[in-house]
Amino acid sequence: QVQLVESGGGLVQAGGSLRLSCAASGRIVGSFTMGWFRQAPGKDREFVAAINWNGGSTLYADSVKGRFTISRGNFRNPVYLQMNRLAPEDTAVYYCAAGATLPTGYSGNYAHWGQGTQVTVSS
């Protein structure tokens, strides 16, 4: 059984940075594409970033391109999301996801989800 645990969320001022981590356990997680999604209050869950099994391919939402960086640890675990130049519109619960074959923004391709970590950006 795959388990995903996010950490690193918190409160930060606009322009600041945070690094989220997703620790994965379970069978063959190292072979999965991993992704980050977020959901703001009253809005649908949206794609943020994804990375393939060996870190050689990444995909970003246009809204975070150039500000956020997704990466994998030395043994493909954990998966990180470095968030720079944060803005109030980045406020959301951030979810880690696993199981896609290739980096994709389609949530249906990810079979496993974490519980989420809150990120709040104050203006």
N, C-alpha and C. Protein backbone atom coordinates (compact mmCIF):
# COMPACT_ATOMS: atom_id res chain seq x y z
N GLN A 1 0.84 -1.19 0.00
CA GLN A 1 0.00 0.00 0.00
C GLN A 1 0.88 1.24 0.00
N VAL A 2 0.57 2.19 -0.85
CA VAL A 2 1.34 3.43 -0.96
C VAL A 2 0.79 4.46 0.01
N GLN A 3 1.68 5.07 0.75
CA GLN A 3 1.29 6.16 1.64
C GLN A 3 2.13 7.39 1.32
N LEU A 4 1.49 8.54 1.31
CA LEU A 4 2.16 9.80 1.02
C LEU A 4 1.91 10.75 2.18
N VAL A 5 2.97 11.37 2.68
CA VAL A 5 2.85 12.29 3.80
C VAL A 5 3.54 13.59 3.41
N GLU A 6 2.75 14.66 3.36
CA GLU A 6 3.29 15.98 3.04
C GLU A 6 3.71 16.71 4.31
N SER A 7 4.70 17.58 4.16
CA SER A 7 5.13 18.45 5.25
C SER A 7 5.73 19.72 4.65
N GLY A 8 5.91 20.71 5.51
CA GLY A 8 6.58 21.93 5.08
C GLY A 8 5.67 23.12 4.84
N GLY A 9 4.37 22.92 4.96
CA GLY A 9 3.46 24.03 4.78
C GLY A 9 3.55 24.99 5.95
N GLY A 10 2.89 26.14 5.79
CA GLY A 10 2.89 27.13 6.85
C GLY A 10 2.45 28.47 6.36
N LEU A 11 2.70 29.48 7.17
CA LEU A 11 2.35 30.87 6.87
C LEU A 11 3.60 31.62 6.46
N VAL A 12 3.51 32.33 5.35
CA VAL A 12 4.66 33.08 4.87
C VAL A 12 4.16 34.39 4.25
N GLN A 13 4.99 35.39 4.28
CA GLN A 13 4.62 36.67 3.67
C GLN A 13 4.83 36.61 2.16
N ALA A 14 4.09 37.43 1.47
CA ALA A 14 4.25 37.51 0.02
C ALA A 14 5.70 37.82 -0.34
N GLY A 15 6.20 37.11 -1.34
CA GLY A 15 7.58 37.24 -1.75
C GLY A 15 8.50 36.24 -1.10
N GLY A 16 8.00 35.56 -0.10
CA GLY A 16 8.81 34.58 0.62
C GLY A 16 8.85 33.23 -0.07
N SER A 17 9.46 32.26 0.62
CA SER A 17 9.66 30.93 0.07
C SER A 17 9.26 29.86 1.09
N LEU A 18 8.88 28.72 0.56
CA LEU A 18 8.63 27.52 1.36
C LEU A 18 9.09 26.32 0.55
N ARG A 19 9.46 25.26 1.26
CA ARG A 19 9.75 24.00 0.58
C ARG A 19 8.87 22.91 1.16
N LEU A 20 8.06 22.34 0.30
CA LEU A 20 7.20 21.23 0.69
C LEU A 20 7.92 19.91 0.42
N SER A 21 7.66 18.93 1.28
CA SER A 21 8.21 17.59 1.08
C SER A 21 7.09 16.58 1.05
N CYS A 22 7.28 15.54 0.28
CA CYS A 22 6.33 14.44 0.22
C CYS A 22 7.12 13.15 0.41
N ALA A 23 6.92 12.52 1.54
CA ALA A 23 7.58 11.25 1.83
C ALA A 23 6.65 10.12 1.43
N ALA A 24 7.15 9.26 0.58
CA ALA A 24 6.33 8.17 0.07
C ALA A 24 6.83 6.84 0.61
N SER A 25 5.92 5.97 0.93
CA SER A 25 6.28 4.63 1.35
C SER A 25 5.37 3.64 0.64
N GLY A 26 5.87 2.44 0.50
CA GLY A 26 5.08 1.43 -0.18
C GLY A 26 5.79 0.90 -1.40
N ARG A 27 5.12 0.02 -2.05
CA ARG A 27 5.76 -0.70 -3.14
C ARG A 27 6.06 0.21 -4.33
N ILE A 28 7.24 0.03 -4.86
CA ILE A 28 7.76 0.64 -6.11
C ILE A 28 7.40 2.11 -6.27
N VAL A 29 7.38 2.88 -5.19
CA VAL A 29 7.08 4.30 -5.36
C VAL A 29 8.15 4.99 -6.17
N GLY A 30 9.38 4.44 -6.11
CA GLY A 30 10.45 5.06 -6.87
C GLY A 30 10.23 5.01 -8.37
N SER A 31 9.33 4.20 -8.83
CA SER A 31 9.08 4.10 -10.26
C SER A 31 7.90 4.96 -10.71
N PHE A 32 7.26 5.65 -9.79
CA PHE A 32 6.08 6.44 -10.11
C PHE A 32 6.43 7.85 -10.52
N THR A 33 5.65 8.41 -11.41
CA THR A 33 5.62 9.86 -11.56
C THR A 33 4.89 10.43 -10.35
N MET A 34 5.44 11.52 -9.81
CA MET A 34 4.85 12.17 -8.65
C MET A 34 4.40 13.58 -9.04
N GLY A 35 3.38 14.05 -8.37
CA GLY A 35 2.87 15.37 -8.70
C GLY A 35 2.44 16.13 -7.46
N TRP A 36 2.31 17.42 -7.65
CA TRP A 36 1.74 18.30 -6.63
C TRP A 36 0.50 18.99 -7.23
N PHE A 37 -0.54 19.01 -6.44
CA PHE A 37 -1.76 19.72 -6.78
C PHE A 37 -2.11 20.64 -5.62
N ARG A 38 -3.00 21.57 -5.85
CA ARG A 38 -3.44 22.44 -4.77
C ARG A 38 -4.91 22.77 -4.91
N GLN A 39 -5.52 23.10 -3.79
CA GLN A 39 -6.93 23.47 -3.79
C GLN A 39 -7.13 24.63 -2.85
N ALA A 40 -7.57 25.72 -3.41
CA ALA A 40 -7.88 26.92 -2.64
C ALA A 40 -9.35 26.86 -2.22
N PRO A 41 -9.71 27.57 -1.15
CA PRO A 41 -11.10 27.55 -0.68
C PRO A 41 -12.07 27.95 -1.79
N GLY A 42 -13.08 27.13 -1.99
CA GLY A 42 -14.10 27.44 -2.98
C GLY A 42 -13.71 27.18 -4.42
N LYS A 43 -12.54 26.61 -4.61
CA LYS A 43 -12.06 26.35 -5.98
C LYS A 43 -11.80 24.86 -6.18
N ASP A 44 -11.72 24.47 -7.45
CA ASP A 44 -11.39 23.10 -7.77
C ASP A 44 -9.90 22.83 -7.54
N ARG A 45 -9.58 21.57 -7.35
CA ARG A 45 -8.18 21.19 -7.23
C ARG A 45 -7.48 21.44 -8.56
N GLU A 46 -6.29 21.99 -8.51
CA GLU A 46 -5.57 22.30 -9.74
C GLU A 46 -4.15 21.75 -9.70
N PHE A 47 -3.66 21.47 -10.87
CA PHE A 47 -2.31 20.94 -11.02
C PHE A 47 -1.27 22.02 -10.75
N VAL A 48 -0.17 21.61 -10.12
CA VAL A 48 0.93 22.52 -9.85
C VAL A 48 2.19 22.08 -10.60
N ALA A 49 2.64 20.86 -10.34
CA ALA A 49 3.89 20.39 -10.95
C ALA A 49 3.94 18.87 -10.87
N ALA A 50 4.75 18.27 -11.75
CA ALA A 50 4.93 16.83 -11.74
C ALA A 50 6.35 16.49 -12.17
N ILE A 51 6.82 15.32 -11.74
CA ILE A 51 8.17 14.87 -12.06
C ILE A 51 8.14 13.37 -12.30
N ASN A 52 8.89 12.93 -13.31
CA ASN A 52 8.87 11.51 -13.63
C ASN A 52 9.74 10.72 -12.66
N TRP A 53 9.83 9.41 -12.87
CA TRP A 53 10.43 8.52 -11.88
C TRP A 53 11.89 8.84 -11.57
N ASN A 54 12.65 9.30 -12.55
CA ASN A 54 14.07 9.55 -12.29
C ASN A 54 14.42 11.02 -12.28
N GLY A 55 13.42 11.89 -12.31
CA GLY A 55 13.68 13.32 -12.26
C GLY A 55 14.07 13.93 -13.58
N GLY A 56 14.07 13.15 -14.65
CA GLY A 56 14.51 13.64 -15.93
C GLY A 56 13.49 14.43 -16.71
N SER A 57 12.26 14.40 -16.27
CA SER A 57 11.19 15.12 -16.96
C SER A 57 10.27 15.76 -15.94
N THR A 58 10.01 17.04 -16.14
CA THR A 58 9.12 17.77 -15.24
C THR A 58 8.08 18.53 -16.05
N LEU A 59 7.01 18.89 -15.36
CA LEU A 59 5.92 19.63 -15.96
C LEU A 59 5.39 20.61 -14.93
N TYR A 60 5.09 21.83 -15.38
CA TYR A 60 4.61 22.86 -14.46
C TYR A 60 3.36 23.53 -15.00
N ALA A 61 2.51 23.94 -14.08
CA ALA A 61 1.41 24.82 -14.46
C ALA A 61 1.98 26.18 -14.83
N ASP A 62 1.34 26.86 -15.77
CA ASP A 62 1.84 28.17 -16.19
C ASP A 62 1.91 29.15 -15.03
N SER A 63 1.00 29.01 -14.09
CA SER A 63 0.92 29.97 -12.98
C SER A 63 2.11 29.89 -12.03
N VAL A 64 2.85 28.78 -12.07
CA VAL A 64 3.97 28.63 -11.13
C VAL A 64 5.31 28.51 -11.85
N LYS A 65 5.28 28.45 -13.17
CA LYS A 65 6.51 28.27 -13.93
C LYS A 65 7.47 29.41 -13.64
N GLY A 66 8.73 29.07 -13.35
CA GLY A 66 9.74 30.06 -13.04
C GLY A 66 9.80 30.44 -11.57
N ARG A 67 8.80 30.03 -10.79
CA ARG A 67 8.79 30.32 -9.34
C ARG A 67 8.92 29.05 -8.51
N PHE A 68 8.31 27.96 -8.98
CA PHE A 68 8.32 26.70 -8.24
C PHE A 68 9.23 25.70 -8.96
N THR A 69 9.86 24.84 -8.15
CA THR A 69 10.71 23.78 -8.70
C THR A 69 10.39 22.47 -8.00
N ILE A 70 10.11 21.45 -8.80
CA ILE A 70 9.86 20.12 -8.26
C ILE A 70 11.13 19.28 -8.43
N SER A 71 11.44 18.46 -7.43
CA SER A 71 12.64 17.62 -7.52
C SER A 71 12.43 16.37 -6.68
N ARG A 72 13.33 15.43 -6.87
CA ARG A 72 13.28 14.19 -6.09
C ARG A 72 14.58 14.05 -5.31
N GLY A 73 14.50 13.40 -4.17
CA GLY A 73 15.67 13.13 -3.36
C GLY A 73 16.61 12.16 -4.03
N ASN A 74 17.73 11.92 -3.40
CA ASN A 74 18.78 11.07 -3.98
C ASN A 74 18.29 9.67 -4.31
N PHE A 75 17.38 9.17 -3.55
CA PHE A 75 16.84 7.83 -3.79
C PHE A 75 15.39 7.93 -4.26
N ARG A 76 15.13 9.02 -5.02
CA ARG A 76 13.82 9.29 -5.63
C ARG A 76 12.73 9.57 -4.60
N ASN A 77 13.12 9.70 -3.36
CA ASN A 77 12.18 9.93 -2.28
C ASN A 77 12.91 10.66 -1.18
N PRO A 78 12.38 11.77 -0.65
CA PRO A 78 11.07 12.33 -0.94
C PRO A 78 11.05 13.17 -2.22
N VAL A 79 9.89 13.68 -2.49
CA VAL A 79 9.71 14.63 -3.58
C VAL A 79 9.51 16.00 -2.96
N TYR A 80 10.20 16.98 -3.52
CA TYR A 80 10.16 18.33 -2.98
C TYR A 80 9.44 19.28 -3.93
N LEU A 81 8.88 20.31 -3.35
CA LEU A 81 8.36 21.42 -4.14
C LEU A 81 8.91 22.70 -3.52
N GLN A 82 9.91 23.26 -4.16
CA GLN A 82 10.48 24.53 -3.72
C GLN A 82 9.65 25.65 -4.30
N MET A 83 9.09 26.48 -3.43
CA MET A 83 8.20 27.56 -3.86
C MET A 83 8.82 28.90 -3.51
N ASN A 84 9.15 29.66 -4.52
CA ASN A 84 9.75 30.99 -4.34
C ASN A 84 8.80 32.07 -4.82
N ARG A 85 9.05 33.27 -4.39
CA ARG A 85 8.24 34.44 -4.78
C ARG A 85 6.76 34.14 -4.62
N LEU A 86 6.41 33.64 -3.45
CA LEU A 86 5.03 33.28 -3.19
C LEU A 86 4.13 34.51 -3.18
N ALA A 87 2.90 34.29 -3.63
CA ALA A 87 1.90 35.36 -3.71
C ALA A 87 0.64 34.89 -3.00
N PRO A 88 -0.20 35.83 -2.57
CA PRO A 88 -1.44 35.44 -1.87
C PRO A 88 -2.28 34.43 -2.67
N GLU A 89 -2.25 34.51 -3.98
CA GLU A 89 -3.04 33.56 -4.78
C GLU A 89 -2.47 32.15 -4.76
N ASP A 90 -1.32 31.95 -4.16
CA ASP A 90 -0.77 30.61 -3.98
C ASP A 90 -1.33 29.94 -2.72
N THR A 91 -2.09 30.68 -1.94
CA THR A 91 -2.69 30.11 -0.73
C THR A 91 -3.62 28.97 -1.08
N ALA A 92 -3.38 27.81 -0.48
CA ALA A 92 -4.16 26.61 -0.79
C ALA A 92 -3.67 25.46 0.08
N VAL A 93 -4.43 24.39 0.05
CA VAL A 93 -3.94 23.12 0.57
C VAL A 93 -3.21 22.42 -0.57
N TYR A 94 -1.99 22.03 -0.31
CA TYR A 94 -1.16 21.39 -1.33
C TYR A 94 -1.13 19.89 -1.09
N TYR A 95 -1.40 19.14 -2.16
CA TYR A 95 -1.48 17.70 -2.10
C TYR A 95 -0.39 17.05 -2.94
N CYS A 96 0.20 16.03 -2.39
CA CYS A 96 1.14 15.19 -3.13
C CYS A 96 0.36 14.03 -3.74
N ALA A 97 0.76 13.65 -4.95
CA ALA A 97 0.09 12.56 -5.64
C ALA A 97 1.13 11.67 -6.31
N ALA A 98 0.78 10.40 -6.48
CA ALA A 98 1.72 9.45 -7.07
C ALA A 98 0.96 8.46 -7.95
N GLY A 99 1.68 7.90 -8.91
CA GLY A 99 1.12 6.80 -9.66
C GLY A 99 0.98 7.00 -11.14
N ALA A 100 1.15 8.24 -11.61
CA ALA A 100 1.06 8.44 -13.06
C ALA A 100 2.27 7.80 -13.74
N THR A 101 2.10 7.53 -15.03
CA THR A 101 3.20 6.95 -15.80
C THR A 101 4.16 8.04 -16.27
N LEU A 102 3.60 9.14 -16.74
CA LEU A 102 4.38 10.27 -17.22
C LEU A 102 3.86 11.54 -16.56
N PRO A 103 4.67 12.59 -16.47
CA PRO A 103 4.18 13.84 -15.89
C PRO A 103 2.94 14.36 -16.63
N THR A 104 1.90 14.60 -15.85
CA THR A 104 0.64 15.06 -16.41
C THR A 104 -0.07 15.92 -15.40
N GLY A 105 -0.89 16.82 -15.90
CA GLY A 105 -1.69 17.66 -15.03
C GLY A 105 -3.07 17.09 -14.77
N TYR A 106 -3.35 15.91 -15.31
CA TYR A 106 -4.66 15.28 -15.13
C TYR A 106 -4.67 14.48 -13.84
N SER A 107 -5.48 14.91 -12.88
CA SER A 107 -5.48 14.28 -11.56
C SER A 107 -5.92 12.82 -11.61
N GLY A 108 -6.74 12.47 -12.59
CA GLY A 108 -7.22 11.09 -12.68
C GLY A 108 -6.14 10.07 -12.95
N ASN A 109 -4.97 10.53 -13.40
CA ASN A 109 -3.86 9.61 -13.67
C ASN A 109 -3.07 9.26 -12.42
N TYR A 110 -3.38 9.91 -11.31
CA TYR A 110 -2.66 9.65 -10.07
C TYR A 110 -3.54 8.81 -9.14
N ALA A 111 -3.05 7.66 -8.75
CA ALA A 111 -3.87 6.74 -7.97
C ALA A 111 -3.76 6.97 -6.47
N HIS A 112 -2.70 7.64 -6.05
CA HIS A 112 -2.43 7.76 -4.62
C HIS A 112 -2.29 9.23 -4.24
N TRP A 113 -2.85 9.58 -3.10
CA TRP A 113 -2.88 10.98 -2.66
C TRP A 113 -2.55 11.08 -1.19
N GLY A 114 -1.86 12.18 -0.84
CA GLY A 114 -1.63 12.48 0.55
C GLY A 114 -2.79 13.26 1.15
N GLN A 115 -2.64 13.61 2.42
CA GLN A 115 -3.71 14.33 3.12
C GLN A 115 -3.65 15.83 2.92
N GLY A 116 -2.53 16.32 2.44
CA GLY A 116 -2.42 17.75 2.16
C GLY A 116 -1.72 18.52 3.27
N THR A 117 -1.13 19.64 2.87
CA THR A 117 -0.51 20.56 3.83
C THR A 117 -0.91 21.98 3.45
N GLN A 118 -1.25 22.77 4.45
CA GLN A 118 -1.76 24.12 4.21
C GLN A 118 -0.61 25.09 3.96
N VAL A 119 -0.75 25.87 2.92
CA VAL A 119 0.16 26.97 2.64
C VAL A 119 -0.66 28.25 2.62
N THR A 120 -0.27 29.21 3.44
CA THR A 120 -0.97 30.49 3.51
C THR A 120 0.03 31.60 3.26
N VAL A 121 -0.26 32.43 2.28
CA VAL A 121 0.61 33.54 1.93
C VAL A 121 -0.12 34.84 2.26
N SER A 122 0.46 35.61 3.14
CA SER A 122 -0.16 36.87 3.54
C SER A 122 0.38 38.01 2.69
N SER A 123 -0.47 39.00 2.46
CA SER A 123 -0.06 40.14 1.61
C SER A 123 0.58 41.24 2.43
